[in-house]
Amino acid sequence: MNKKSKFNVRDFLFQNKVVFMFLVLCVGATIASKQPLTFVIPELFTRIARNSFIVLSLIIPVIAGMGLNFGIVIGAMAAQVAIFLTTYWGMTGFGGFAATVALSTPIAVFFGFLVGKLFNYMKGNEMIGGLVLGYFAEGLYQLLFLFIFGGVIKMNNPDLMISTGAGVKNTIDLKDTVKYALDTVPMLTIVEVGFYAVILGLVCSAAFKMAKKQEVDWKSVAIKAAAAAVIYGLTFIKPVERFLSADRLLLLSAVELGCLVTVLWQVFQFAKWKVQSSKADEDASPEPFNMHKAIAYGALAAVVYGLTYVPTLYNVLIAVRLPVMTYLCIGGLCCFNNILMKTRLGQNMRTVGQSRTVANAAGINVDKTRIIAMIFSTVLACWGQLIFLQNVGTLSTYGAHTQVGQFAIAALLVGGASVQNATNKQALLGIVLFHTLFIVSPLAGKELFGDPAIGEYFRVFVSYGVIAMSLAMHAWKKAAKPKEETDGERTAEAA
């Protein structure tokens, strides 16, 4: 028993060696930088909000067997074309941001379709193809922004165009257009829109079932509508309204709300089980309620809440203000990735990723599935770049997209993902570790060597190094797999 336990621990450590290595680097660099957590943690949460969406856009192609999508840079280009046009047209605020999303989406869909079609002609070499394709697209992008905008398509805006009239300026300020357009959506607006969305969804669902002559569970519909109405009604209470009028949420408040929701959810599950038990027959009793698990969750919530009274943690928690709408978008994408994998399309993608031969034998259209996966990734990368730009507040016309693929892929790999497998948890963990190192390494370099540039060189080396290591391991596994299959065949013949 002890041997088995020891082996499992060693195996776990070996499988997550990259994660633990970066964890040690992050802790060491943070200590060496001599920066307080009240500086590091707020900056980290800002970077999480900026970069998470675009890193999460890499997961679908990995599952579909297309590897690390270096072609997401093309989705970033689609975003920048759209944000330049809406800025030129003078669209501002959240409405301008929504218009930018609406304009960039069909462009990204078209680009994703073309990339997917191309990748179908180069199966097994998608990563190098995506890298080269990014350089090719960069040439077309510069042609558009240096010659076509202002040269072929006449544009008259001295704030955006070069003085000669042809070509776009190197830097575009988004301060008066879409800067913080998503980050500053008030929580009150989110709740109101959510209420109407829930009611509309319930009505449409009931109407669809009635049109299909299916039975509608009106009691369930009424309960859900009543719950939504109660939550919406709470917003008319003055203290609640004042709290929700803010566009950002203190991390302290988020932790407190998380602890409260955890406890209430366990109470709700227990009450639901009691009601089902009282109504159920002996032959059809509900699944037993796991009281030990519920108590463990409640105890964990109590411990976390108690830690908020530790002065050091309290000072960190009140220093971080979360852009609620941005984090909801990130959470929504995580849910979308999970839900997609449970659908027929998601299962097809997983089957294609595991074996195209098996997928073909099962009647799955492999080429179509791969194209859809690439469209998803390109569109999500496009939206992720829009989130990044509205948070930064400036558009570096010829440089904002150049390292999107490199940094996003490095962050994904740091979290323990590989060329063959990636999950939401690995992506989010990689973002935390990778960007923590990005924050503290220049400061650590300055403290240790008197030159912050050394830290800059180190983190660039790390980002390239982790990608190179992952690709090398992937090539080694591909080379070793045929040998294992051959050895297996010889063993079977000998037997």
Foldseek 3Di string as FASTA:
>chain_A
DVVVVVVVVVVVCVLQVLLVVLVVVLVVLVVLLPDALLPLVQVLLLLCLQFLLLLLLQFLLLLLQLFGQLLLLVLQLLLLVLLVVLVLVPAAALVSLVSSLVRSLVVLLVVLLVLLVVCVVVPPCNVVVSVVVSVVVLVVLQCCQQDCQQNVDFGDDPQFADPVRGGGDQKHFQPGHQACRQLFDFQLVVLVVVLVVLLVVLVVVVVVCVVVVHDDPVVVSVVSNVVSVVVNVVCPPVVNVVVRRGQWAQLLVVLLVVLVVLLVVLVVVVVVLVVQQVPDDPVDRDDDDDPVVSVVSNVVSVVSNVCCPVVSNVSSRRSHIGRVSSVVVSVVSQVVLVVLCVDPLNVLSNVSSVPVVVSVVVVHPSSVSSSVSSSSSSSSSNVSSSSNCSHVRMDSSSPSSPCSSLLSVLLLVSLSAARNHGHSNSNSSSSSSLVSLVVSQLSSCCSPPVGSVVSVVVSVCSSVVSVVVRVVVVVVCVVVVVVVVVVVVVVVVVD
